[in-house]
Protein backbone atom coordinates (compact mmCIF):
# COMPACT_ATOMS: atom_id res chain seq x y z
CA UNK A 1 -15.44 -30.72 -31.30
CA UNK A 2 -19.18 -31.93 -31.00
CA UNK A 3 -21.39 -30.78 -28.56
CA UNK A 4 -23.40 -33.82 -26.52
CA UNK A 5 -26.16 -33.16 -24.33
CA UNK A 6 -25.99 -33.74 -20.96
CA UNK A 7 -27.42 -37.17 -20.25
CA UNK A 8 -28.47 -39.54 -16.60
CA UNK A 9 -25.29 -42.09 -17.34
CA UNK A 10 -27.71 -45.06 -16.45
CA UNK A 11 -28.85 -48.04 -18.32
CA UNK A 12 -31.48 -46.27 -20.15
CA UNK A 13 -29.02 -43.40 -21.20
CA UNK A 14 -26.59 -45.40 -22.15
CA UNK A 15 -28.79 -47.11 -25.05
CA UNK A 16 -29.09 -43.28 -26.36
CA UNK A 17 -25.75 -42.83 -26.66
CA UNK A 18 -25.39 -46.02 -28.66
CA UNK A 19 -28.16 -44.55 -30.98
CA UNK A 20 -27.01 -41.47 -30.69
CA UNK A 21 -23.71 -42.59 -32.03
CA UNK A 22 -24.86 -44.93 -34.75
CA UNK A 23 -26.60 -42.12 -36.30
CA UNK A 24 -23.31 -39.83 -36.72
CA UNK A 25 -21.80 -43.14 -38.16
CA UNK A 26 -19.61 -44.03 -35.17
CA UNK A 27 -19.48 -48.11 -33.28
CA UNK A 28 -20.19 -46.70 -30.16
CA UNK A 29 -17.63 -49.29 -28.51
CA UNK A 30 -15.23 -48.21 -30.53
CA UNK A 31 -15.28 -44.51 -30.83
CA UNK A 32 -17.88 -43.67 -28.03
CA UNK A 33 -16.42 -43.01 -24.44
CA UNK A 34 -18.67 -45.83 -22.38
CA UNK A 35 -19.88 -43.82 -19.46
CA UNK A 36 -19.63 -39.65 -20.98
CA UNK A 37 -20.02 -40.46 -24.13
CA UNK A 38 -17.40 -38.07 -25.76
CA UNK A 39 -16.77 -39.37 -29.31
CA UNK A 40 -13.06 -39.82 -30.44
CA UNK A 41 -11.91 -37.03 -32.48
CA UNK A 42 -8.23 -36.06 -33.66
CA UNK A 43 -7.64 -34.17 -29.67
CA UNK A 44 -9.23 -36.85 -27.78
CA UNK A 45 -8.17 -40.45 -27.52
CA UNK A 46 -10.29 -43.77 -26.52
CA UNK A 47 -8.49 -46.25 -24.60
CA UNK A 48 -9.54 -49.86 -24.24
CA UNK A 49 -11.05 -50.72 -20.25
CA UNK A 50 -8.06 -51.88 -17.80
CA UNK A 51 -10.20 -54.31 -16.99
CA UNK A 52 -8.68 -56.79 -19.47
CA UNK A 53 -11.80 -57.44 -21.89
CA UNK A 54 -12.17 -55.24 -25.16
CA UNK A 55 -15.96 -54.52 -24.80
CA UNK A 56 -15.96 -50.49 -23.86
CA UNK A 57 -13.23 -47.71 -24.49
CA UNK A 58 -13.66 -44.44 -22.20
CA UNK A 59 -11.80 -40.95 -22.72
CA UNK A 60 -9.70 -40.98 -19.09
CA UNK A 61 -8.58 -42.87 -15.97
CA UNK A 62 -12.01 -40.79 -14.09
CA UNK A 63 -14.39 -42.27 -16.62
CA UNK A 64 -13.06 -45.80 -16.19
CA UNK A 65 -13.49 -45.59 -12.48
CA UNK A 66 -16.87 -43.72 -12.86
CA UNK A 67 -18.18 -46.72 -15.13
CA UNK A 68 -16.58 -49.64 -12.76
CA UNK A 69 -19.20 -50.48 -11.02
CA UNK A 70 -22.05 -50.55 -13.91
CA UNK A 71 -19.00 -52.42 -15.80
CA UNK A 72 -17.63 -54.59 -13.36
CA UNK A 73 -19.23 -58.18 -14.25
CA UNK A 74 -19.67 -57.52 -17.70
CA UNK A 75 -15.74 -56.94 -17.49
CA UNK A 76 -15.06 -59.98 -16.14
CA UNK A 77 -17.47 -62.23 -18.08
CA UNK A 78 -15.81 -61.10 -21.46
CA UNK A 79 -12.32 -61.36 -19.88
CA UNK A 80 -12.83 -64.85 -18.71
CA UNK A 81 -14.41 -65.39 -22.62
CA UNK A 82 -11.48 -64.47 -24.06
CA UNK A 83 -9.20 -66.25 -21.86
CA UNK A 84 -11.28 -69.26 -22.68
CA UNK A 85 -11.34 -68.54 -26.51
CA UNK A 86 -7.06 -68.67 -26.26
CA UNK A 87 -6.94 -71.61 -24.29
CA UNK A 88 -9.12 -73.92 -25.82
CA UNK A 89 -7.95 -72.96 -29.66
CA UNK A 90 -5.78 -76.46 -30.91
CA UNK A 91 -2.28 -75.09 -31.41
CA UNK A 92 -0.43 -75.62 -34.62
CA UNK A 93 2.48 -77.46 -33.52
CA UNK A 94 4.21 -78.48 -29.99
CA UNK A 95 6.26 -76.55 -27.57
CA UNK A 96 9.15 -78.29 -29.54
CA UNK A 97 9.14 -76.87 -32.96
CA UNK A 98 10.37 -78.21 -36.04
CA UNK A 99 13.84 -79.54 -36.34
CA UNK A 100 15.44 -76.81 -37.84
CA UNK A 101 17.07 -78.99 -40.45
CA UNK A 102 14.60 -80.80 -41.91
CA UNK A 103 11.47 -78.99 -40.99
CA UNK A 104 9.58 -82.07 -40.15
CA UNK A 105 7.70 -80.99 -36.66
CA UNK A 106 9.48 -82.57 -33.91
CA UNK A 107 7.60 -85.67 -31.84
CA UNK A 108 6.96 -84.50 -28.41
CA UNK A 109 8.56 -87.98 -27.35
CA UNK A 110 11.71 -86.81 -25.96
CA UNK A 111 13.63 -89.97 -26.69
CA UNK A 112 13.18 -88.97 -30.60
CA UNK A 113 15.31 -85.94 -30.71
CA UNK A 114 18.55 -84.26 -28.90
CA UNK A 115 19.14 -80.66 -27.61
CA UNK A 116 22.73 -79.33 -28.55
CA UNK A 117 24.63 -77.92 -26.04
CA UNK A 118 26.62 -75.49 -28.77
CA UNK A 119 23.53 -74.28 -30.19
CA UNK A 120 20.28 -74.69 -27.71
CA UNK A 121 18.68 -76.21 -31.24
CA UNK A 122 16.35 -79.77 -30.49
CA UNK A 123 17.58 -82.04 -34.18
CA UNK A 124 15.88 -84.87 -34.59
CA UNK A 125 17.01 -88.56 -34.05
CA UNK A 126 17.07 -88.83 -38.61
CA UNK A 127 19.22 -85.30 -38.77
CA UNK A 128 21.39 -86.34 -36.45
CA UNK A 129 21.78 -90.18 -38.39
CA UNK A 130 22.57 -89.17 -41.37
CA UNK A 131 25.21 -86.82 -40.31
CA UNK A 132 26.43 -89.28 -38.26
CA UNK A 133 26.77 -91.71 -41.13
CA UNK A 134 27.94 -88.98 -43.71
CA UNK A 135 31.02 -87.83 -41.27
CA UNK A 136 31.58 -91.42 -40.82
CA UNK A 137 31.62 -92.45 -44.57
CA UNK A 138 33.96 -89.59 -45.07
CA UNK A 139 36.32 -89.99 -42.31
CA UNK A 140 35.66 -86.11 -41.33
CA UNK A 141 35.53 -84.20 -37.49
CA UNK A 142 31.81 -85.28 -35.69
CA UNK A 143 30.62 -81.72 -35.71
CA UNK A 144 26.93 -80.47 -34.54
CA UNK A 145 24.67 -81.03 -37.56
CA UNK A 146 22.83 -77.53 -37.61
CA UNK A 147 25.96 -75.06 -36.17
CA UNK A 148 28.59 -77.36 -36.98
CA UNK A 149 30.99 -76.63 -34.49
CA UNK A 150 32.74 -79.96 -33.23
CA UNK A 151 31.18 -81.96 -30.71
CA UNK A 152 32.83 -81.86 -26.97
CA UNK A 153 35.27 -84.38 -25.81
CA UNK A 154 34.57 -83.85 -21.85
CA UNK A 155 32.01 -82.86 -19.44
CA UNK A 156 34.01 -80.00 -18.75
CA UNK A 157 33.57 -78.60 -22.30
CA UNK A 158 29.63 -79.30 -22.77
CA UNK A 159 29.37 -77.10 -19.29
CA UNK A 160 31.63 -74.37 -20.79
CA UNK A 161 28.95 -74.08 -23.46
CA UNK A 162 25.73 -74.64 -21.94
CA UNK A 163 27.56 -71.64 -19.70
CA UNK A 164 28.12 -69.57 -22.40
CA UNK A 165 24.56 -69.61 -24.11
CA UNK A 166 23.56 -68.81 -20.58
CA UNK A 167 24.68 -65.94 -20.50
CA UNK A 168 23.52 -64.84 -24.03
CA UNK A 169 20.65 -65.49 -22.43
CA UNK A 170 18.95 -67.92 -24.25
CA UNK A 171 16.11 -69.41 -22.49
CA UNK A 172 16.27 -73.19 -23.93
CA UNK A 173 19.73 -72.74 -21.97
CA UNK A 174 18.32 -71.05 -18.75
CA UNK A 175 15.24 -73.77 -18.87
CA UNK A 176 17.59 -76.69 -18.74
CA UNK A 177 20.11 -75.10 -16.16
CA UNK A 178 16.74 -75.01 -13.97
CA UNK A 179 15.97 -78.50 -14.84
CA UNK A 180 19.28 -80.09 -13.97
CA UNK A 181 19.72 -77.69 -10.36
CA UNK A 182 16.15 -79.36 -9.75
CA UNK A 183 17.14 -82.68 -9.91
CA UNK A 184 19.93 -81.97 -7.79
CA UNK A 185 18.23 -81.02 -5.39
CA UNK A 186 18.30 -77.24 -5.39
CA UNK A 187 14.61 -75.84 -5.87
CA UNK A 188 14.75 -72.32 -5.48
CA UNK A 189 17.64 -72.20 -7.40
CA UNK A 190 15.90 -73.92 -10.24
CA UNK A 191 12.88 -71.50 -9.51
CA UNK A 192 15.31 -68.34 -10.71
CA UNK A 193 16.16 -70.26 -13.62
CA UNK A 194 12.55 -71.27 -14.89
CA UNK A 195 11.26 -67.42 -14.00
CA UNK A 196 13.54 -66.33 -15.73
CA UNK A 197 13.31 -68.18 -18.96
CA UNK A 198 9.85 -68.30 -19.01
CA UNK A 199 10.42 -64.27 -19.11
CA UNK A 200 11.90 -64.57 -21.97
CA UNK A 201 9.06 -66.56 -23.35
CA UNK A 202 9.92 -70.43 -22.84
CA UNK A 203 6.85 -73.07 -23.17
CA UNK A 204 9.05 -75.58 -21.00
CA UNK A 205 9.79 -73.52 -18.31
CA UNK A 206 5.97 -72.47 -17.56
CA UNK A 207 6.05 -76.22 -17.37
CA UNK A 208 8.28 -76.61 -14.77
CA UNK A 209 7.27 -73.47 -12.67
CA UNK A 210 3.56 -75.16 -13.08
CA UNK A 211 4.64 -78.35 -11.24
CA UNK A 212 7.00 -76.21 -8.47
CA UNK A 213 4.49 -74.14 -7.47
CA UNK A 214 2.04 -77.05 -7.67
CA UNK A 215 4.55 -79.34 -5.62
CA UNK A 216 5.70 -76.60 -3.18
CA UNK A 217 9.24 -77.28 -4.43
CA UNK A 218 11.86 -74.26 -3.61
CA UNK A 219 8.64 -72.05 -3.37
CA UNK A 220 5.16 -71.86 -1.36
CA UNK A 221 2.92 -74.35 -2.32
CA UNK A 222 0.30 -71.91 -3.96
CA UNK A 223 -2.25 -73.92 -6.94
CA UNK A 224 -3.26 -70.62 -8.42
CA UNK A 225 0.33 -69.74 -9.97
CA UNK A 226 0.50 -73.36 -10.53
CA UNK A 227 -2.42 -73.03 -12.58
CA UNK A 228 -1.15 -70.26 -14.58
CA UNK A 229 1.59 -71.33 -15.05
CA UNK A 230 0.48 -74.98 -16.55
CA UNK A 231 -2.28 -72.42 -19.13
CA UNK A 232 0.65 -70.87 -20.46
CA UNK A 233 2.56 -73.95 -20.91
CA UNK A 234 -0.84 -75.24 -22.67
CA UNK A 235 -1.09 -72.68 -25.07
CA UNK A 236 2.44 -72.54 -26.07
CA UNK A 237 1.56 -76.20 -27.52
CA UNK A 238 2.82 -78.68 -24.60
CA UNK A 239 0.57 -81.27 -24.08
CA UNK A 240 1.66 -82.52 -20.59
CA UNK A 241 0.54 -79.56 -19.16
CA UNK A 242 -2.49 -80.11 -20.95
CA UNK A 243 -3.22 -83.39 -19.25
CA UNK A 244 -2.53 -81.70 -15.98
CA UNK A 245 -4.69 -79.18 -16.79
CA UNK A 246 -7.35 -81.42 -17.33
CA UNK A 247 -6.96 -83.61 -14.14
CA UNK A 248 -7.65 -80.09 -12.50
CA UNK A 249 -10.27 -79.77 -14.23
CA UNK A 250 -12.08 -83.71 -13.71
CA UNK A 251 -11.13 -83.12 -10.14
CA UNK A 252 -13.37 -80.20 -10.32
CA UNK A 253 -16.61 -82.13 -11.69
CA UNK A 254 -15.70 -80.00 -15.12
CA UNK A 255 -15.50 -83.32 -17.41
CA UNK A 256 -16.65 -81.14 -20.78
CA UNK A 257 -13.41 -78.65 -20.24
CA UNK A 258 -11.51 -81.63 -19.21
CA UNK A 259 -12.46 -83.00 -22.70
CA UNK A 260 -11.18 -80.35 -24.48
CA UNK A 261 -8.24 -80.38 -22.59
CA UNK A 262 -7.53 -83.89 -23.59
CA UNK A 263 -8.88 -83.93 -27.23
CA UNK A 264 -5.96 -81.25 -27.63
CA UNK A 265 -3.22 -82.39 -26.61
CA UNK A 266 -4.42 -85.62 -28.45
CA UNK A 267 -4.42 -83.54 -31.37
CA UNK A 268 -0.49 -82.94 -30.72
CA UNK A 269 0.09 -86.80 -31.09
CA UNK A 270 -0.49 -87.36 -27.07
CA UNK A 271 -0.93 -91.22 -26.55
CA UNK A 272 -2.53 -91.18 -23.62
CA UNK A 273 -4.79 -87.99 -23.83
CA UNK A 274 -6.46 -89.95 -26.46
CA UNK A 275 -7.09 -92.86 -24.38
CA UNK A 276 -8.86 -90.22 -21.99
CA UNK A 277 -10.71 -88.99 -24.73
CA UNK A 278 -11.62 -92.38 -25.37
CA UNK A 279 -13.13 -93.19 -22.09
CA UNK A 280 -15.00 -89.98 -22.06
CA UNK A 281 -16.29 -90.68 -25.49
CA UNK A 282 -17.55 -93.85 -23.85
CA UNK A 283 -19.22 -91.99 -20.97
CA UNK A 284 -20.94 -89.81 -22.77
CA UNK A 285 -19.03 -86.56 -22.59
CA UNK A 286 -17.32 -86.81 -26.09
CA UNK A 287 -19.55 -86.96 -29.18
CA UNK A 288 -18.84 -89.92 -31.76
CA UNK A 289 -17.96 -87.07 -34.18
CA UNK A 290 -15.62 -85.40 -31.92
CA UNK A 291 -13.56 -89.06 -30.97
CA UNK A 292 -13.54 -89.75 -34.85
CA UNK A 293 -11.92 -86.20 -35.72
CA UNK A 294 -9.67 -86.81 -32.71
CA UNK A 295 -8.39 -89.99 -33.58
CA UNK A 296 -7.67 -88.72 -37.66
CA UNK A 297 -5.80 -85.44 -35.56
CA UNK A 298 -4.03 -87.71 -33.32
CA UNK A 299 -2.39 -90.20 -36.22
CA UNK A 300 -1.96 -86.60 -38.59
CA UNK A 301 0.11 -85.57 -36.30
CA UNK A 302 2.49 -88.70 -35.66
CA UNK A 303 2.11 -88.97 -39.75
CA UNK A 304 3.50 -85.80 -39.79
CA UNK A 305 6.72 -86.48 -37.59
CA UNK A 306 8.06 -89.52 -39.61
CA UNK A 307 10.59 -89.48 -42.76
CA UNK A 308 12.73 -92.24 -43.48
CA UNK A 309 15.77 -91.06 -41.95
CA UNK A 310 13.80 -90.78 -38.27
CA UNK A 311 12.28 -94.18 -38.86
CA UNK A 312 16.08 -95.60 -39.74
CA UNK A 313 17.07 -94.34 -36.89
CA UNK A 314 14.56 -95.09 -34.19
CA UNK A 315 15.37 -98.76 -35.45
CA UNK A 316 18.58 -99.37 -35.73
CA UNK A 317 18.72 -96.84 -31.72
CA UNK A 318 16.10 -99.68 -30.18
CA UNK A 319 18.77 -102.40 -31.01
CA UNK A 320 21.90 -100.36 -30.25
CA UNK A 321 23.35 -99.90 -33.96
CA UNK A 322 23.12 -95.92 -33.39
CA UNK A 323 23.01 -93.69 -30.44
CA UNK A 324 23.11 -89.91 -29.89
CA UNK A 325 26.12 -87.93 -29.26
CA UNK A 326 26.06 -84.35 -27.70
């Protein structure tokens, strides 16, 4: 055990502790209790501040409590900084992810993919079209392109499959049931389903919860909770959630933060957000370089979702020669 001198724990003495730790080859923020200065050794384990920052460690709850008033403001600032770093990080892909068959990113336009009730997988129209074409030419039974289960022949069978997925705690199926209940006007029950799905990590459920709390549907209106769920959805790659957060920031006259949200959403392929970025460029909030980079990012996102099969499916669907079959 290293013996340490007794010091007064004020701003000046804390700097002495840091210098002393440096002399022994330790980093104070990682290896020394921020209050008493005791070093981490075999029988002393330090833990990070439970306030949400990553600046200091403590040897116990007593030291953290004694140091709280001195550290509180710095902790809040660092916690907000960590939150913003996470919130304004560009996701690699939207919350929909990739088509599990062709492995290309799914379009954020939900008309360009479909949800299979049997396996809760989003399949792009291109792969669904290719599968239907193969089945039609071979005289084969219609099956799910992914799990190969036969297509349902009645609404009763569709509902039964959905409930089977829900019983297995499938977050996608739970979210879809929440949406159905919301459309039917049962907002309270919808809230229960979306809350459960959100706890399982479903991004769309967070977005739906944000809408319920923001509008006060089935629950007391709570803007703070709404913003929390919109932020969780945005971090997960939900462009509509980004758009709502951006508008929220614009109302508060924080146009620089709104611009960040719109840029991230545009880079996921959101056309409306791209227009907002253009307007902010004209207003002088977004620089020429930022606008140019956003244009490239938006186009790259759109190009990444294209394939010959998808383009054929979109063309045939537009003229009524191809339809999706659940």
